[in-house]
Amino acid sequence: FSLAGIPPLFGFWGKFVVFKAAVDAGFIALAAIGIAASVIGAFYYIKIVKIMYFDEPADTIRGDSDRAHWALLAISSVVISPVGYLLHSRRKEPGARF
């Protein structure tokens, strides 16, 4: 429920501070868009909790996994892994550039 931004949990206070800072800085439209997005997000977060705890479980669980899914996972891993290595190698001595 904290992720949904329900008071008095920490997620609410984090969002409150961000939206208050946006309003104080004069970004009222941006704060309104953020609040609307938070309300929509809260609906989906709470819907997931409702399904997990209050709805009846499905009769069967499908365990089908295509080769296409595994291929997509492998390709994504091969593409993403070097990106992390390259970003890490640029930050070996972060204080040296100052």
PDB file of N, CA and C in Angstrom:
ATOM      1  N   PHE A   1       0.814  -1.199   0.000  1.00  0.00           N
ATOM      2  CA  PHE A   1       0.000   0.000   0.000  1.00  0.00           C
ATOM      3  C   PHE A   1       0.856   1.261   0.000  1.00  0.00           C
ATOM      4  N   SER A   2       2.082   1.139   0.451  1.00  0.00           N
ATOM      5  CA  SER A   2       2.963   2.294   0.455  1.00  0.00           C
ATOM      6  C   SER A   2       3.263   2.749  -0.966  1.00  0.00           C
ATOM      7  N   LEU A   3       3.462   1.805  -1.879  1.00  0.00           N
ATOM      8  CA  LEU A   3       3.748   2.145  -3.261  1.00  0.00           C
ATOM      9  C   LEU A   3       2.572   2.875  -3.902  1.00  0.00           C
ATOM     10  N   ALA A   4       1.368   2.570  -3.459  1.00  0.00           N
ATOM     11  CA  ALA A   4       0.186   3.246  -3.987  1.00  0.00           C
ATOM     12  C   ALA A   4       0.062   4.667  -3.465  1.00  0.00           C
ATOM     13  N   GLY A   5       0.801   5.014  -2.432  1.00  0.00           N
ATOM     14  CA  GLY A   5       0.760   6.377  -1.909  1.00  0.00           C
ATOM     15  C   GLY A   5      -0.385   6.618  -0.955  1.00  0.00           C
ATOM     16  N   ILE A   6      -0.722   5.606  -0.185  1.00  0.00           N
ATOM     17  CA  ILE A   6      -1.835   5.737   0.753  1.00  0.00           C
ATOM     18  C   ILE A   6      -1.307   6.287   2.073  1.00  0.00           C
ATOM     19  N   PRO A   7      -1.924   7.371   2.581  1.00  0.00           N
ATOM     20  CA  PRO A   7      -1.451   7.934   3.854  1.00  0.00           C
ATOM     21  C   PRO A   7      -1.744   6.978   4.997  1.00  0.00           C
ATOM     22  N   PRO A   8      -1.000   6.948   6.028  1.00  0.00           N
ATOM     23  CA  PRO A   8       0.180   7.705   6.432  1.00  0.00           C
ATOM     24  C   PRO A   8       1.475   6.974   6.129  1.00  0.00           C
ATOM     25  N   LEU A   9       1.505   6.130   5.110  1.00  0.00           N
ATOM     26  CA  LEU A   9       2.690   5.333   4.806  1.00  0.00           C
ATOM     27  C   LEU A   9       3.752   6.180   4.110  1.00  0.00           C
ATOM     28  N   PHE A  10       4.972   5.655   4.053  1.00  0.00           N
ATOM     29  CA  PHE A  10       6.101   6.424   3.532  1.00  0.00           C
ATOM     30  C   PHE A  10       5.945   6.787   2.061  1.00  0.00           C
ATOM     31  N   GLY A  11       5.313   5.930   1.284  1.00  0.00           N
ATOM     32  CA  GLY A  11       5.113   6.240  -0.131  1.00  0.00           C
ATOM     33  C   GLY A  11       4.290   7.500  -0.323  1.00  0.00           C
ATOM     34  N   PHE A  12       3.303   7.697   0.538  1.00  0.00           N
ATOM     35  CA  PHE A  12       2.491   8.914   0.474  1.00  0.00           C
ATOM     36  C   PHE A  12       3.338  10.137   0.763  1.00  0.00           C
ATOM     37  N   TRP A  13       4.154  10.073   1.802  1.00  0.00           N
ATOM     38  CA  TRP A  13       4.940  11.248   2.191  1.00  0.00           C
ATOM     39  C   TRP A  13       5.982  11.588   1.138  1.00  0.00           C
ATOM     40  N   GLY A  14       6.558  10.589   0.507  1.00  0.00           N
ATOM     41  CA  GLY A  14       7.507  10.852  -0.567  1.00  0.00           C
ATOM     42  C   GLY A  14       6.855  11.566  -1.735  1.00  0.00           C
ATOM     43  N   LYS A  15       5.685  11.072  -2.140  1.00  0.00           N
ATOM     44  CA  LYS A  15       4.961  11.722  -3.230  1.00  0.00           C
ATOM     45  C   LYS A  15       4.485  13.107  -2.816  1.00  0.00           C
ATOM     46  N   PHE A  16       4.048  13.239  -1.584  1.00  0.00           N
ATOM     47  CA  PHE A  16       3.570  14.535  -1.095  1.00  0.00           C
ATOM     48  C   PHE A  16       4.671  15.592  -1.170  1.00  0.00           C
ATOM     49  N   VAL A  17       5.866  15.234  -0.735  1.00  0.00           N
ATOM     50  CA  VAL A  17       6.983  16.187  -0.749  1.00  0.00           C
ATOM     51  C   VAL A  17       7.332  16.582  -2.184  1.00  0.00           C
ATOM     52  N   VAL A  18       7.346  15.615  -3.095  1.00  0.00           N
ATOM     53  CA  VAL A  18       7.672  15.920  -4.493  1.00  0.00           C
ATOM     54  C   VAL A  18       6.615  16.834  -5.101  1.00  0.00           C
ATOM     55  N   PHE A  19       5.345  16.530  -4.877  1.00  0.00           N
ATOM     56  CA  PHE A  19       4.287  17.357  -5.458  1.00  0.00           C
ATOM     57  C   PHE A  19       4.232  18.735  -4.815  1.00  0.00           C
ATOM     58  N   LYS A  20       4.505  18.815  -3.517  1.00  0.00           N
ATOM     59  CA  LYS A  20       4.533  20.118  -2.844  1.00  0.00           C
ATOM     60  C   LYS A  20       5.668  20.975  -3.393  1.00  0.00           C
ATOM     61  N   ALA A  21       6.823  20.368  -3.632  1.00  0.00           N
ATOM     62  CA  ALA A  21       7.952  21.106  -4.205  1.00  0.00           C
ATOM     63  C   ALA A  21       7.621  21.588  -5.614  1.00  0.00           C
ATOM     64  N   ALA A  22       6.912  20.775  -6.377  1.00  0.00           N
ATOM     65  CA  ALA A  22       6.525  21.190  -7.727  1.00  0.00           C
ATOM     66  C   ALA A  22       5.568  22.372  -7.678  1.00  0.00           C
ATOM     67  N   VAL A  23       4.611  22.335  -6.762  1.00  0.00           N
ATOM     68  CA  VAL A  23       3.663  23.450  -6.629  1.00  0.00           C
ATOM     69  C   VAL A  23       4.383  24.699  -6.141  1.00  0.00           C
ATOM     70  N   ASP A  24       5.272  24.559  -5.176  1.00  0.00           N
ATOM     71  CA  ASP A  24       6.018  25.714  -4.661  1.00  0.00           C
ATOM     72  C   ASP A  24       6.901  26.352  -5.731  1.00  0.00           C
ATOM     73  N   ALA A  25       7.388  25.533  -6.673  1.00  0.00           N
ATOM     74  CA  ALA A  25       8.241  26.050  -7.744  1.00  0.00           C
ATOM     75  C   ALA A  25       7.428  26.605  -8.907  1.00  0.00           C
ATOM     76  N   GLY A  26       6.102  26.507  -8.818  1.00  0.00           N
ATOM     77  CA  GLY A  26       5.247  27.051  -9.864  1.00  0.00           C
ATOM     78  C   GLY A  26       4.863  26.063 -10.950  1.00  0.00           C
ATOM     79  N   PHE A  27       5.211  24.812 -10.773  1.00  0.00           N
ATOM     80  CA  PHE A  27       4.870  23.789 -11.756  1.00  0.00           C
ATOM     81  C   PHE A  27       3.559  23.103 -11.365  1.00  0.00           C
ATOM     82  N   ILE A  28       2.482  23.868 -11.349  1.00  0.00           N
ATOM     83  CA  ILE A  28       1.190  23.342 -10.899  1.00  0.00           C
ATOM     84  C   ILE A  28       0.661  22.293 -11.873  1.00  0.00           C
ATOM     85  N   ALA A  29       0.806  22.536 -13.175  1.00  0.00           N
ATOM     86  CA  ALA A  29       0.325  21.564 -14.160  1.00  0.00           C
ATOM     87  C   ALA A  29       1.085  20.246 -14.031  1.00  0.00           C
ATOM     88  N   LEU A  30       2.387  20.329 -13.817  1.00  0.00           N
ATOM     89  CA  LEU A  30       3.190  19.118 -13.648  1.00  0.00           C
ATOM     90  C   LEU A  30       2.772  18.357 -12.392  1.00  0.00           C
ATOM     91  N   ALA A  31       2.494  19.086 -11.315  1.00  0.00           N
ATOM     92  CA  ALA A  31       2.035  18.443 -10.083  1.00  0.00           C
ATOM     93  C   ALA A  31       0.678  17.779 -10.297  1.00  0.00           C
ATOM     94  N   ALA A  32      -0.207  18.437 -11.046  1.00  0.00           N
ATOM     95  CA  ALA A  32      -1.527  17.860 -11.318  1.00  0.00           C
ATOM     96  C   ALA A  32      -1.403  16.583 -12.143  1.00  0.00           C
ATOM     97  N   ILE A  33      -0.513  16.594 -13.128  1.00  0.00           N
ATOM     98  CA  ILE A  33      -0.292  15.387 -13.930  1.00  0.00           C
ATOM     99  C   ILE A  33       0.283  14.274 -13.056  1.00  0.00           C
ATOM    100  N   GLY A  34       1.205  14.619 -12.171  1.00  0.00           N
ATOM    101  CA  GLY A  34       1.787  13.630 -11.268  1.00  0.00           C
ATOM    102  C   GLY A  34       0.762  13.042 -10.319  1.00  0.00           C
ATOM    103  N   ILE A  35      -0.115  13.888  -9.796  1.00  0.00           N
ATOM    104  CA  ILE A  35      -1.164  13.402  -8.893  1.00  0.00           C
ATOM    105  C   ILE A  35      -2.120  12.487  -9.642  1.00  0.00           C
ATOM    106  N   ALA A  36      -2.493  12.872 -10.872  1.00  0.00           N
ATOM    107  CA  ALA A  36      -3.381  12.023 -11.668  1.00  0.00           C
ATOM    108  C   ALA A  36      -2.721  10.676 -11.956  1.00  0.00           C
ATOM    109  N   ALA A  37      -1.439  10.694 -12.285  1.00  0.00           N
ATOM    110  CA  ALA A  37      -0.720   9.444 -12.541  1.00  0.00           C
ATOM    111  C   ALA A  37      -0.632   8.594 -11.276  1.00  0.00           C
ATOM    112  N   SER A  38      -0.478   9.234 -10.125  1.00  0.00           N
ATOM    113  CA  SER A  38      -0.423   8.495  -8.859  1.00  0.00           C
ATOM    114  C   SER A  38      -1.759   7.841  -8.537  1.00  0.00           C
ATOM    115  N   VAL A  39      -2.840   8.545  -8.822  1.00  0.00           N
ATOM    116  CA  VAL A  39      -4.175   7.979  -8.573  1.00  0.00           C
ATOM    117  C   VAL A  39      -4.416   6.782  -9.490  1.00  0.00           C
ATOM    118  N   ILE A  40      -4.047   6.927 -10.762  1.00  0.00           N
ATOM    119  CA  ILE A  40      -4.209   5.808 -11.698  1.00  0.00           C
ATOM    120  C   ILE A  40      -3.329   4.633 -11.274  1.00  0.00           C
ATOM    121  N   GLY A  41      -2.092   4.912 -10.894  1.00  0.00           N
ATOM    122  CA  GLY A  41      -1.195   3.856 -10.429  1.00  0.00           C
ATOM    123  C   GLY A  41      -1.715   3.175  -9.181  1.00  0.00           C
ATOM    124  N   ALA A  42      -2.256   3.962  -8.248  1.00  0.00           N
ATOM    125  CA  ALA A  42      -2.796   3.396  -7.007  1.00  0.00           C
ATOM    126  C   ALA A  42      -3.933   2.431  -7.308  1.00  0.00           C
ATOM    127  N   PHE A  43      -4.758   2.775  -8.293  1.00  0.00           N
ATOM    128  CA  PHE A  43      -5.849   1.880  -8.679  1.00  0.00           C
ATOM    129  C   PHE A  43      -5.291   0.519  -9.093  1.00  0.00           C
ATOM    130  N   TYR A  44      -4.254   0.518  -9.906  1.00  0.00           N
ATOM    131  CA  TYR A  44      -3.694  -0.746 -10.374  1.00  0.00           C
ATOM    132  C   TYR A  44      -2.966  -1.497  -9.265  1.00  0.00           C
ATOM    133  N   TYR A  45      -2.257  -0.791  -8.387  1.00  0.00           N
ATOM    134  CA  TYR A  45      -1.572  -1.461  -7.275  1.00  0.00           C
ATOM    135  C   TYR A  45      -2.581  -2.143  -6.354  1.00  0.00           C
ATOM    136  N   ILE A  46      -3.648  -1.445  -6.046  1.00  0.00           N
ATOM    137  CA  ILE A  46      -4.660  -2.006  -5.147  1.00  0.00           C
ATOM    138  C   ILE A  46      -5.414  -3.139  -5.834  1.00  0.00           C
ATOM    139  N   LYS A  47      -5.592  -3.039  -7.145  1.00  0.00           N
ATOM    140  CA  LYS A  47      -6.251  -4.111  -7.886  1.00  0.00           C
ATOM    141  C   LYS A  47      -5.433  -5.404  -7.798  1.00  0.00           C
ATOM    142  N   ILE A  48      -4.111  -5.288  -7.876  1.00  0.00           N
ATOM    143  CA  ILE A  48      -3.253  -6.472  -7.771  1.00  0.00           C
ATOM    144  C   ILE A  48      -3.376  -7.106  -6.388  1.00  0.00           C
ATOM    145  N   VAL A  49      -3.403  -6.288  -5.350  1.00  0.00           N
ATOM    146  CA  VAL A  49      -3.559  -6.807  -3.987  1.00  0.00           C
ATOM    147  C   VAL A  49      -4.911  -7.492  -3.839  1.00  0.00           C
ATOM    148  N   LYS A  50      -5.953  -6.908  -4.410  1.00  0.00           N
ATOM    149  CA  LYS A  50      -7.287  -7.511  -4.354  1.00  0.00           C
ATOM    150  C   LYS A  50      -7.292  -8.877  -5.033  1.00  0.00           C
ATOM    151  N   ILE A  51      -6.675  -8.960  -6.191  1.00  0.00           N
ATOM    152  CA  ILE A  51      -6.637 -10.231  -6.910  1.00  0.00           C
ATOM    153  C   ILE A  51      -5.852 -11.272  -6.115  1.00  0.00           C
ATOM    154  N   MET A  52      -4.734 -10.865  -5.518  1.00  0.00           N
ATOM    155  CA  MET A  52      -3.900 -11.826  -4.779  1.00  0.00           C
ATOM    156  C   MET A  52      -4.602 -12.375  -3.550  1.00  0.00           C
ATOM    157  N   TYR A  53      -5.308 -11.527  -2.812  1.00  0.00           N
ATOM    158  CA  TYR A  53      -5.826 -11.949  -1.512  1.00  0.00           C
ATOM    159  C   TYR A  53      -7.316 -12.255  -1.484  1.00  0.00           C
ATOM    160  N   PHE A  54      -8.102 -11.695  -2.385  1.00  0.00           N
ATOM    161  CA  PHE A  54      -9.546 -11.820  -2.243  1.00  0.00           C
ATOM    162  C   PHE A  54     -10.232 -12.573  -3.374  1.00  0.00           C
ATOM    163  N   ASP A  55      -9.626 -12.682  -4.543  1.00  0.00           N
ATOM    164  CA  ASP A  55     -10.258 -13.400  -5.643  1.00  0.00           C
ATOM    165  C   ASP A  55      -9.946 -14.885  -5.549  1.00  0.00           C
ATOM    166  N   GLU A  56     -10.804 -15.673  -6.189  1.00  0.00           N
ATOM    167  CA  GLU A  56     -10.600 -17.116  -6.228  1.00  0.00           C
ATOM    168  C   GLU A  56      -9.424 -17.431  -7.153  1.00  0.00           C
ATOM    169  N   PRO A  57      -8.627 -18.440  -6.803  1.00  0.00           N
ATOM    170  CA  PRO A  57      -7.503 -18.793  -7.677  1.00  0.00           C
ATOM    171  C   PRO A  57      -7.991 -19.399  -8.988  1.00  0.00           C
ATOM    172  N   ALA A  58      -7.171 -19.293 -10.000  1.00  0.00           N
ATOM    173  CA  ALA A  58      -7.499 -19.878 -11.295  1.00  0.00           C
ATOM    174  C   ALA A  58      -7.479 -21.397 -11.178  1.00  0.00           C
ATOM    175  N   ASP A  59      -8.270 -22.055 -12.005  1.00  0.00           N
ATOM    176  CA  ASP A  59      -8.344 -23.513 -11.961  1.00  0.00           C
ATOM    177  C   ASP A  59      -7.018 -24.155 -12.366  1.00  0.00           C
ATOM    178  N   THR A  60      -6.449 -23.664 -13.427  1.00  0.00           N
ATOM    179  CA  THR A  60      -5.188 -24.227 -13.901  1.00  0.00           C
ATOM    180  C   THR A  60      -4.191 -23.098 -14.124  1.00  0.00           C
ATOM    181  N   ILE A  61      -2.956 -23.465 -14.020  1.00  0.00           N
ATOM    182  CA  ILE A  61      -1.884 -22.510 -14.289  1.00  0.00           C
ATOM    183  C   ILE A  61      -1.181 -22.973 -15.550  1.00  0.00           C
ATOM    184  N   ARG A  62      -1.152 -22.094 -16.533  1.00  0.00           N
ATOM    185  CA  ARG A  62      -0.490 -22.445 -17.786  1.00  0.00           C
ATOM    186  C   ARG A  62       1.008 -22.306 -17.614  1.00  0.00           C
ATOM    187  N   GLY A  63       1.713 -23.322 -18.004  1.00  0.00           N
ATOM    188  CA  GLY A  63       3.156 -23.302 -17.885  1.00  0.00           C
ATOM    189  C   GLY A  63       3.846 -23.330 -19.235  1.00  0.00           C
ATOM    190  N   ASP A  64       3.142 -22.835 -20.255  1.00  0.00           N
ATOM    191  CA  ASP A  64       3.750 -22.884 -21.577  1.00  0.00           C
ATOM    192  C   ASP A  64       4.767 -21.762 -21.755  1.00  0.00           C
ATOM    193  N   SER A  65       5.905 -22.144 -22.247  1.00  0.00           N
ATOM    194  CA  SER A  65       6.934 -21.151 -22.540  1.00  0.00           C
ATOM    195  C   SER A  65       7.496 -21.468 -23.917  1.00  0.00           C
ATOM    196  N   ASP A  66       7.284 -20.558 -24.805  1.00  0.00           N
ATOM    197  CA  ASP A  66       7.742 -20.760 -26.175  1.00  0.00           C
ATOM    198  C   ASP A  66       9.249 -20.569 -26.277  1.00  0.00           C
ATOM    199  N   ARG A  67       9.782 -21.098 -27.336  1.00  0.00           N
ATOM    200  CA  ARG A  67      11.197 -20.859 -27.601  1.00  0.00           C
ATOM    201  C   ARG A  67      11.426 -19.396 -27.935  1.00  0.00           C
ATOM    202  N   ALA A  68      10.409 -18.737 -28.464  1.00  0.00           N
ATOM    203  CA  ALA A  68      10.543 -17.316 -28.800  1.00  0.00           C
ATOM    204  C   ALA A  68      10.774 -16.488 -27.543  1.00  0.00           C
ATOM    205  N   HIS A  69      10.109 -16.840 -26.450  1.00  0.00           N
ATOM    206  CA  HIS A  69      10.313 -16.120 -25.194  1.00  0.00           C
ATOM    207  C   HIS A  69      11.737 -16.301 -24.690  1.00  0.00           C
ATOM    208  N   TRP A  70      12.230 -17.530 -24.755  1.00  0.00           N
ATOM    209  CA  TRP A  70      13.598 -17.792 -24.298  1.00  0.00           C
ATOM    210  C   TRP A  70      14.616 -17.096 -25.196  1.00  0.00           C
ATOM    211  N   ALA A  71      14.339 -17.075 -26.500  1.00  0.00           N
ATOM    212  CA  ALA A  71      15.249 -16.398 -27.430  1.00  0.00           C
ATOM    213  C   ALA A  71      15.279 -14.898 -27.154  1.00  0.00           C
ATOM    214  N   LEU A  72      14.122 -14.314 -26.887  1.00  0.00           N
ATOM    215  CA  LEU A  72      14.059 -12.888 -26.569  1.00  0.00           C
ATOM    216  C   LEU A  72      14.810 -12.585 -25.278  1.00  0.00           C
ATOM    217  N   LEU A  73      14.680 -13.460 -24.292  1.00  0.00           N
ATOM    218  CA  LEU A  73      15.413 -13.285 -23.040  1.00  0.00           C
ATOM    219  C   LEU A  73      16.921 -13.371 -23.267  1.00  0.00           C
ATOM    220  N   ALA A  74      17.353 -14.321 -24.070  1.00  0.00           N
ATOM    221  CA  ALA A  74      18.784 -14.473 -24.346  1.00  0.00           C
ATOM    222  C   ALA A  74      19.331 -13.276 -25.111  1.00  0.00           C
ATOM    223  N   ILE A  75      18.602 -12.811 -26.103  1.00  0.00           N
ATOM    224  CA  ILE A  75      19.050 -11.650 -26.879  1.00  0.00           C
ATOM    225  C   ILE A  75      19.120 -10.415 -25.997  1.00  0.00           C
ATOM    226  N   SER A  76      18.115 -10.219 -25.167  1.00  0.00           N
ATOM    227  CA  SER A  76      18.114  -9.063 -24.266  1.00  0.00           C
ATOM    228  C   SER A  76      19.290  -9.117 -23.305  1.00  0.00           C
ATOM    229  N   SER A  77      19.586 -10.297 -22.793  1.00  0.00           N
ATOM    230  CA  SER A  77      20.713 -10.439 -21.864  1.00  0.00           C
ATOM    231  C   SER A  77      22.036 -10.138 -22.546  1.00  0.00           C
ATOM    232  N   VAL A  78      22.194 -10.610 -23.762  1.00  0.00           N
ATOM    233  CA  VAL A  78      23.440 -10.375 -24.495  1.00  0.00           C
ATOM    234  C   VAL A  78      23.602  -8.897 -24.821  1.00  0.00           C
ATOM    235  N   VAL A  79      22.511  -8.212 -25.115  1.00  0.00           N
ATOM    236  CA  VAL A  79      22.587  -6.790 -25.459  1.00  0.00           C
ATOM    237  C   VAL A  79      22.791  -5.933 -24.215  1.00  0.00           C
ATOM    238  N   ILE A  80      22.120  -6.242 -23.122  1.00  0.00           N
ATOM    239  CA  ILE A  80      22.153  -5.402 -21.923  1.00  0.00           C
ATOM    240  C   ILE A  80      23.442  -5.591 -21.124  1.00  0.00           C
ATOM    241  N   SER A  81      23.978  -6.786 -21.062  1.00  0.00           N
ATOM    242  CA  SER A  81      25.160  -7.044 -20.231  1.00  0.00           C
ATOM    243  C   SER A  81      26.355  -6.160 -20.565  1.00  0.00           C
ATOM    244  N   PRO A  82      26.727  -5.978 -21.823  1.00  0.00           N
ATOM    245  CA  PRO A  82      27.858  -5.080 -22.105  1.00  0.00           C
ATOM    246  C   PRO A  82      27.589  -3.630 -21.718  1.00  0.00           C
ATOM    247  N   VAL A  83      26.348  -3.207 -21.760  1.00  0.00           N
ATOM    248  CA  VAL A  83      26.021  -1.829 -21.380  1.00  0.00           C
ATOM    249  C   VAL A  83      26.381  -1.600 -19.919  1.00  0.00           C
ATOM    250  N   GLY A  84      26.040  -2.524 -19.050  1.00  0.00           N
ATOM    251  CA  GLY A  84      26.390  -2.392 -17.640  1.00  0.00           C
ATOM    252  C   GLY A  84      27.888  -2.395 -17.424  1.00  0.00           C
ATOM    253  N   TYR A  85      28.596  -3.227 -18.159  1.00  0.00           N
ATOM    254  CA  TYR A  85      30.056  -3.271 -18.030  1.00  0.00           C
ATOM    255  C   TYR A  85      30.674  -1.959 -18.492  1.00  0.00           C
ATOM    256  N   LEU A  86      30.204  -1.425 -19.608  1.00  0.00           N
ATOM    257  CA  LEU A  86      30.756  -0.171 -20.131  1.00  0.00           C
ATOM    258  C   LEU A  86      30.482   0.991 -19.184  1.00  0.00           C
ATOM    259  N   LEU A  87      29.297   1.036 -18.614  1.00  0.00           N
ATOM    260  CA  LEU A  87      28.985   2.111 -17.671  1.00  0.00           C
ATOM    261  C   LEU A  87      29.830   1.988 -16.411  1.00  0.00           C
ATOM    262  N   HIS A  88      30.060   0.766 -15.965  1.00  0.00           N
ATOM    263  CA  HIS A  88      30.865   0.561 -14.761  1.00  0.00           C
ATOM    264  C   HIS A  88      32.331   0.920 -15.008  1.00  0.00           C
ATOM    265  N   SER A  89      32.844   0.602 -16.183  1.00  0.00           N
ATOM    266  CA  SER A  89      34.253   0.875 -16.463  1.00  0.00           C
ATOM    267  C   SER A  89      34.532   2.379 -16.537  1.00  0.00           C
ATOM    268  N   ARG A  90      33.530   3.176 -16.854  1.00  0.00           N
ATOM    269  CA  ARG A  90      33.712   4.628 -16.903  1.00  0.00           C
ATOM    270  C   ARG A  90      33.706   5.249 -15.516  1.00  0.00           C
ATOM    271  N   ARG A  91      33.255   4.511 -14.497  1.00  0.00           N
ATOM    272  CA  ARG A  91      33.119   5.078 -13.160  1.00  0.00           C
ATOM    273  C   ARG A  91      34.085   4.458 -12.165  1.00  0.00           C
ATOM    274  N   LYS A  92      35.183   3.922 -12.616  1.00  0.00           N
ATOM    275  CA  LYS A  92      36.116   3.265 -11.697  1.00  0.00           C
ATOM    276  C   LYS A  92      36.693   4.239 -10.688  1.00  0.00           C
ATOM    277  N   GLU A  93      36.999   5.441 -11.125  1.00  0.00           N
ATOM    278  CA  GLU A  93      37.540   6.451 -10.225  1.00  0.00           C
ATOM    279  C   GLU A  93      36.723   7.729 -10.370  1.00  0.00           C
ATOM    280  N   PRO A  94      35.561   7.778  -9.736  1.00  0.00           N
ATOM    281  CA  PRO A  94      34.698   8.947  -9.932  1.00  0.00           C
ATOM    282  C   PRO A  94      35.289  10.237  -9.388  1.00  0.00           C
ATOM    283  N   GLY A  95      36.166  10.177  -8.384  1.00  0.00           N
ATOM    284  CA  GLY A  95      36.737  11.396  -7.828  1.00  0.00           C
ATOM    285  C   GLY A  95      37.890  11.938  -8.652  1.00  0.00           C
ATOM    286  N   ALA A  96      38.397  11.156  -9.598  1.00  0.00           N
ATOM    287  CA  ALA A  96      39.564  11.576 -10.371  1.00  0.00           C
ATOM    288  C   ALA A  96      39.239  12.688 -11.357  1.00  0.00           C
ATOM    289  N   ARG A  97      37.999  12.813 -11.753  1.00  0.00           N
ATOM    290  CA  ARG A  97      37.675  13.834 -12.749  1.00  0.00           C
ATOM    291  C   ARG A  97      37.435  15.199 -12.132  1.00  0.00           C
ATOM    292  N   PHE A  98      37.447  15.341 -10.821  1.00  0.00           N
ATOM    293  CA  PHE A  98      37.189  16.646 -10.197  1.00  0.00           C
ATOM    294  C   PHE A  98      38.461  17.351  -9.866  1.00  0.00           C
TER     295      PHE A  98
END
